[in-house]
Protein backbone atom coordinates (compact mmCIF):
# COMPACT_ATOMS: atom_id res chain seq x y z
CA MET A 1 0.06 0.08 0.01
CA SER A 2 2.75 2.28 0.69
CA GLY A 3 4.16 1.82 -2.68
CA GLY A 4 0.86 2.89 -4.15
CA TYR A 5 0.96 6.21 -2.00
CA ILE A 6 4.60 6.94 -3.27
CA LEU A 7 3.51 6.50 -6.97
CA ILE A 8 0.48 8.72 -6.51
CA ILE A 9 2.93 11.24 -4.80
CA ILE A 10 5.49 11.14 -7.48
CA VAL A 11 2.71 11.71 -10.20
CA ALA A 12 1.10 14.53 -8.31
CA VAL A 13 4.51 16.33 -8.04
CA ILE A 14 5.16 15.81 -11.84
CA SER A 15 1.68 17.07 -12.52
CA MET A 16 2.38 20.18 -10.53
CA GLY A 17 5.62 20.87 -12.30
CA VAL A 18 3.95 20.23 -15.85
CA GLN A 19 1.07 22.68 -14.94
CA TYR A 20 3.54 25.15 -13.82
CA MET A 21 5.50 24.90 -17.09
CA PHE A 22 2.36 25.10 -19.01
CA LYS A 23 1.00 28.13 -17.46
CA ASN A 24 4.37 29.86 -17.58
CA ARG A 25 4.86 29.33 -21.25
CA PHE A 26 1.25 30.35 -21.86
CA LYS A 27 1.92 33.57 -20.00
CA LYS A 28 5.17 34.29 -21.71
CA TYR A 29 3.89 33.80 -25.19
CA SER A 30 0.65 35.77 -24.52
CA LYS A 31 3.05 38.70 -24.24
CA THR A 32 4.48 38.22 -27.78
CA PRO A 33 2.43 40.26 -30.35
CA LEU A 34 1.52 38.26 -33.50
CA ALA A 35 3.04 39.73 -36.62
CA SER A 36 -0.08 39.29 -38.59
CA ASN A 37 -2.09 40.87 -35.79
CA MET A 38 -4.81 38.16 -36.00
CA SER A 39 -7.00 37.54 -32.97
CA GLY A 40 -7.76 34.06 -31.63
CA ALA A 41 -11.40 34.43 -32.86
CA GLU A 42 -10.20 35.54 -36.39
CA VAL A 43 -7.79 32.53 -36.60
CA ALA A 44 -10.49 30.12 -35.53
CA GLU A 45 -12.95 31.43 -38.22
CA ARG A 46 -10.49 31.25 -40.84
CA MET A 47 -9.43 27.61 -40.07
CA LEU A 48 -13.03 26.55 -39.97
CA ASN A 49 -13.60 28.10 -43.33
CA ASP A 50 -10.44 26.69 -44.84
CA ASN A 51 -11.63 23.21 -43.76
CA GLY A 52 -15.00 23.66 -45.30
CA ILE A 53 -16.71 23.53 -41.87
CA ARG A 54 -19.99 25.34 -41.71
CA GLY A 55 -22.41 25.70 -38.80
CA VAL A 56 -19.77 25.72 -36.04
CA LYS A 57 -19.74 28.93 -34.07
CA VAL A 58 -16.73 30.54 -32.38
CA MET A 59 -17.74 31.94 -29.00
CA SER A 60 -16.15 33.81 -26.30
CA VAL A 61 -16.51 32.34 -22.65
CA GLN A 62 -15.41 33.51 -19.24
CA GLY A 63 -12.33 32.20 -17.44
CA THR A 64 -8.82 31.57 -17.99
CA LEU A 65 -7.83 28.37 -20.14
CA THR A 66 -11.43 27.48 -20.36
CA ASP A 67 -11.09 26.88 -24.15
CA HIS A 68 -12.95 23.74 -25.38
CA TYR A 69 -14.83 22.38 -28.39
CA ASN A 70 -18.30 21.13 -27.65
CA PRO A 71 -19.41 18.71 -30.39
CA SER A 72 -22.94 18.54 -28.98
CA SER A 73 -23.63 22.32 -29.52
CA LYS A 74 -21.02 22.58 -32.45
CA THR A 75 -19.14 25.51 -30.75
CA VAL A 76 -15.57 26.35 -30.50
CA ASN A 77 -15.53 28.21 -27.17
CA LEU A 78 -12.42 30.28 -26.50
CA SER A 79 -11.60 32.10 -23.28
CA GLU A 80 -11.56 35.85 -23.44
CA ASN A 81 -7.75 36.13 -23.61
CA VAL A 82 -7.77 33.74 -26.50
CA TYR A 83 -10.59 35.10 -28.16
CA HIS A 84 -9.35 38.84 -28.21
CA GLY A 85 -5.64 37.85 -27.81
CA ARG A 86 -3.37 38.59 -30.85
CA ASN A 87 -0.32 36.64 -29.86
CA ALA A 88 1.14 33.25 -30.27
CA ALA A 89 -0.40 31.59 -27.45
CA ALA A 90 -3.86 32.68 -28.59
CA VAL A 91 -3.26 31.51 -32.08
CA ALA A 92 -2.01 28.08 -30.75
CA VAL A 93 -5.01 27.43 -28.58
CA ALA A 94 -7.70 28.83 -31.10
CA ALA A 95 -6.23 26.58 -33.86
CA HIS A 96 -6.05 23.47 -31.38
CA GLU A 97 -9.82 23.81 -30.47
CA CYS A 98 -10.64 24.18 -34.14
CA GLY A 99 -8.57 21.06 -34.76
CA HIS A 100 -11.26 19.13 -32.59
CA ALA A 101 -13.99 20.81 -34.92
CA VAL A 102 -12.18 19.37 -37.95
CA GLN A 103 -11.85 15.83 -36.17
CA ASP A 104 -15.55 16.07 -35.64
CA ALA A 105 -16.28 17.02 -39.20
CA LYS A 106 -14.23 14.06 -40.54
CA ALA A 107 -15.53 11.61 -37.99
CA TYR A 108 -12.38 11.06 -36.20
CA ALA A 109 -12.81 7.70 -34.47
CA PHE A 110 -10.99 8.59 -30.98
CA LEU A 111 -13.17 11.70 -30.68
CA GLY A 112 -16.40 9.73 -31.42
CA PHE A 113 -15.44 7.11 -28.82
CA ARG A 114 -14.57 9.93 -26.25
CA SER A 115 -17.72 11.56 -26.82
CA ALA A 116 -19.66 8.51 -26.30
CA MET A 117 -18.07 7.96 -23.05
CA VAL A 118 -19.10 11.21 -21.56
CA PRO A 119 -22.55 10.40 -20.34
CA VAL A 120 -21.08 7.18 -18.95
CA LEU A 121 -18.13 9.10 -17.14
CA ASN A 122 -20.70 11.72 -15.79
CA ALA A 123 -22.66 9.09 -14.20
CA THR A 124 -19.96 7.07 -12.57
CA ASN A 125 -18.00 10.05 -11.27
CA ARG A 126 -20.74 10.98 -9.10
CA PHE A 127 -20.62 7.74 -7.25
CA THR A 128 -17.05 6.79 -7.45
CA PRO A 129 -15.84 8.56 -4.13
CA PHE A 130 -18.77 7.06 -2.26
CA LEU A 131 -17.97 3.53 -3.67
CA LEU A 132 -14.40 3.84 -2.81
CA MET A 133 -14.87 5.03 0.71
CA ILE A 134 -17.74 2.66 1.61
CA GLY A 135 -16.04 -0.20 -0.29
CA ILE A 136 -12.78 0.06 1.82
CA GLY A 137 -14.89 0.29 4.98
CA LEU A 138 -16.85 -2.90 4.30
CA LEU A 139 -13.62 -4.64 3.00
CA TYR A 140 -11.74 -4.07 6.30
CA ALA A 141 -14.70 -4.51 8.53
CA VAL A 142 -16.53 -7.49 7.20
CA ASP A 143 -14.42 -8.59 4.14
CA ILE A 144 -16.94 -7.88 1.57
CA PRO A 145 -15.23 -6.58 -1.69
CA TYR A 146 -18.08 -6.03 -4.01
CA VAL A 147 -18.64 -2.39 -3.35
CA LEU A 148 -14.95 -1.57 -3.66
CA ALA A 149 -14.87 -3.64 -6.78
CA LEU A 150 -17.53 -1.30 -8.35
CA GLY A 151 -15.57 1.65 -7.26
CA VAL A 152 -12.45 0.13 -9.06
CA LEU A 153 -14.58 -0.49 -12.22
CA ALA A 154 -15.74 3.11 -12.08
CA LEU A 155 -12.00 4.21 -11.89
CA ALA A 156 -11.10 1.92 -14.73
CA VAL A 157 -13.84 3.91 -16.94
CA SER A 158 -12.23 7.22 -15.91
CA THR A 159 -8.81 5.88 -16.67
CA LEU A 160 -9.76 4.70 -20.06
CA PHE A 161 -11.24 8.06 -21.01
CA SER A 162 -8.07 9.85 -20.03
CA PHE A 163 -6.00 7.67 -22.21
CA VAL A 164 -8.72 7.81 -25.03
CA THR A 165 -8.27 11.65 -24.75
CA LEU A 166 -4.49 11.57 -25.43
CA PRO A 167 -4.78 10.81 -29.24
CA VAL A 168 -7.59 13.30 -29.56
CA GLU A 169 -5.51 16.01 -28.11
CA PHE A 170 -2.28 15.20 -29.91
CA ASP A 171 -4.04 14.79 -33.29
CA ALA A 172 -5.93 18.25 -32.68
CA SER A 173 -2.48 19.96 -31.97
CA ARG A 174 -1.06 18.32 -34.99
CA ARG A 175 -3.72 19.61 -37.43
CA ALA A 176 -3.48 22.97 -35.63
CA LEU A 177 0.31 23.29 -36.27
CA LYS A 178 0.29 22.14 -39.72
CA TRP A 179 -2.52 24.65 -40.66
CA ILE A 180 -0.95 27.71 -39.05
CA GLU A 181 2.23 26.69 -40.84
CA GLN A 182 0.90 26.13 -44.33
CA GLU A 183 -1.34 29.13 -44.35
CA ASN A 184 1.58 31.42 -43.06
CA ILE A 185 -0.52 32.44 -39.96
CA VAL A 186 2.64 32.70 -38.06
CA ASN A 187 6.47 33.42 -38.72
CA PRO A 188 8.99 30.77 -37.77
CA LYS A 189 9.66 32.36 -34.37
CA GLU A 190 5.82 32.34 -33.56
CA TYR A 191 5.41 28.89 -34.69
CA SER A 192 8.05 27.54 -32.36
CA MET A 193 6.21 29.42 -29.48
CA ALA A 194 2.90 27.76 -30.54
CA LYS A 195 4.37 24.44 -30.88
CA SER A 196 5.90 24.85 -27.19
CA ALA A 197 2.62 25.95 -25.79
CA LEU A 198 0.78 23.00 -27.28
CA SER A 199 3.54 20.43 -26.30
CA TRP A 200 3.07 21.53 -22.77
CA ALA A 201 -0.53 21.48 -22.95
CA ALA A 202 -0.42 17.89 -24.30
CA MET A 203 1.97 16.96 -21.45
CA THR A 204 -0.99 18.01 -18.83
CA TYR A 205 -3.25 15.40 -20.53
CA VAL A 206 -0.41 12.75 -20.32
CA VAL A 207 0.15 13.36 -16.53
CA ALA A 208 -3.69 13.32 -16.08
CA ALA A 209 -3.79 9.90 -17.55
CA LEU A 210 -0.95 8.80 -15.65
CA SER A 211 -2.49 9.90 -12.34
CA SER A 212 -5.63 8.36 -13.04
CA LEU A 213 -3.79 5.11 -13.73
CA ALA A 214 -1.79 5.20 -10.57
CA THR A 215 -4.98 5.85 -8.58
CA LEU A 216 -6.64 2.84 -10.38
CA LEU A 217 -3.79 0.65 -9.45
CA TYR A 218 -3.65 1.76 -5.85
CA TYR A 219 -7.16 0.86 -5.20
CA ALA A 220 -7.10 -2.37 -7.34
CA SER A 221 -3.98 -3.43 -5.25
CA ILE A 222 -6.12 -2.96 -2.04
CA LEU A 223 -8.85 -4.93 -3.63
CA MET A 224 -6.56 -7.92 -4.80
CA ASN A 225 -4.66 -8.00 -1.48
CA ARG A 226 -7.52 -8.13 0.80
CA ARG A 227 -6.77 -11.30 2.48
CA ASP A 228 -3.13 -10.69 2.83
C-alpha cells in the first residue's frame, strides 16, 4: 500500500511541475504580439472556413484556459484572453480547438469514442468517491469486496477516458500546427512558440492519464490483496 501512495505522490509532483511550465509558457507567449495581428477568434474562423466547416460557431467564454470544443452544440469556445488575444499563445489554442472541430467533421474515431463515453463518465464520477470510501470500510470491516470492486470499475472507466483523450488532443495539435504553418498564420519564431505551448498543454493530459492510472492501480491493489 505504501508503494501505491509513493506512486501517487510522484505523479502529483510531476503534474504540478507540468502545470507550472504550461501556465508559464502560456503567459510568456501571450506577451508576444503576432506579426499578422490576427486575433484568436479570427484565426478560428479562418481555420474553420479553410476546412469547409459550416455551422460551427466561435464563441467567447469566461475564465482562463477554459477553451474547449463542444461537439454537441457545435461551438468552439475560447476564453476571453484567447478570443481577443493577438499573440502566439492565442493562435495556438484557437487553432487547437478548431482542430477538434475538424476531427468532428471528419468523424475522427477517437473523438467519437470519447464523446460516447462522456455520459457514462458523468454518471460514474458522481458515485466513485462514495463507492471507494464505503467499499474500503466494508472490505476491512466484514471482508465484503463487491462495493470496492464497483469503485475500481468506475475508476477504470475514468482511466480509459483519460487515455482515449490523449490521441484526440495530440491529433488536434498536429492539425493546428500544420494549418498555421501552411497558411503562414505565424512566422518561424511564432510557430516555435505555438508548438511549445501546445506541447506543454499535451503533457498536462499525459500526466492526468498517468495520475488516473496510478489511482486505479492503488485501489486495485487494495482489492486484490484484501486477504493478505
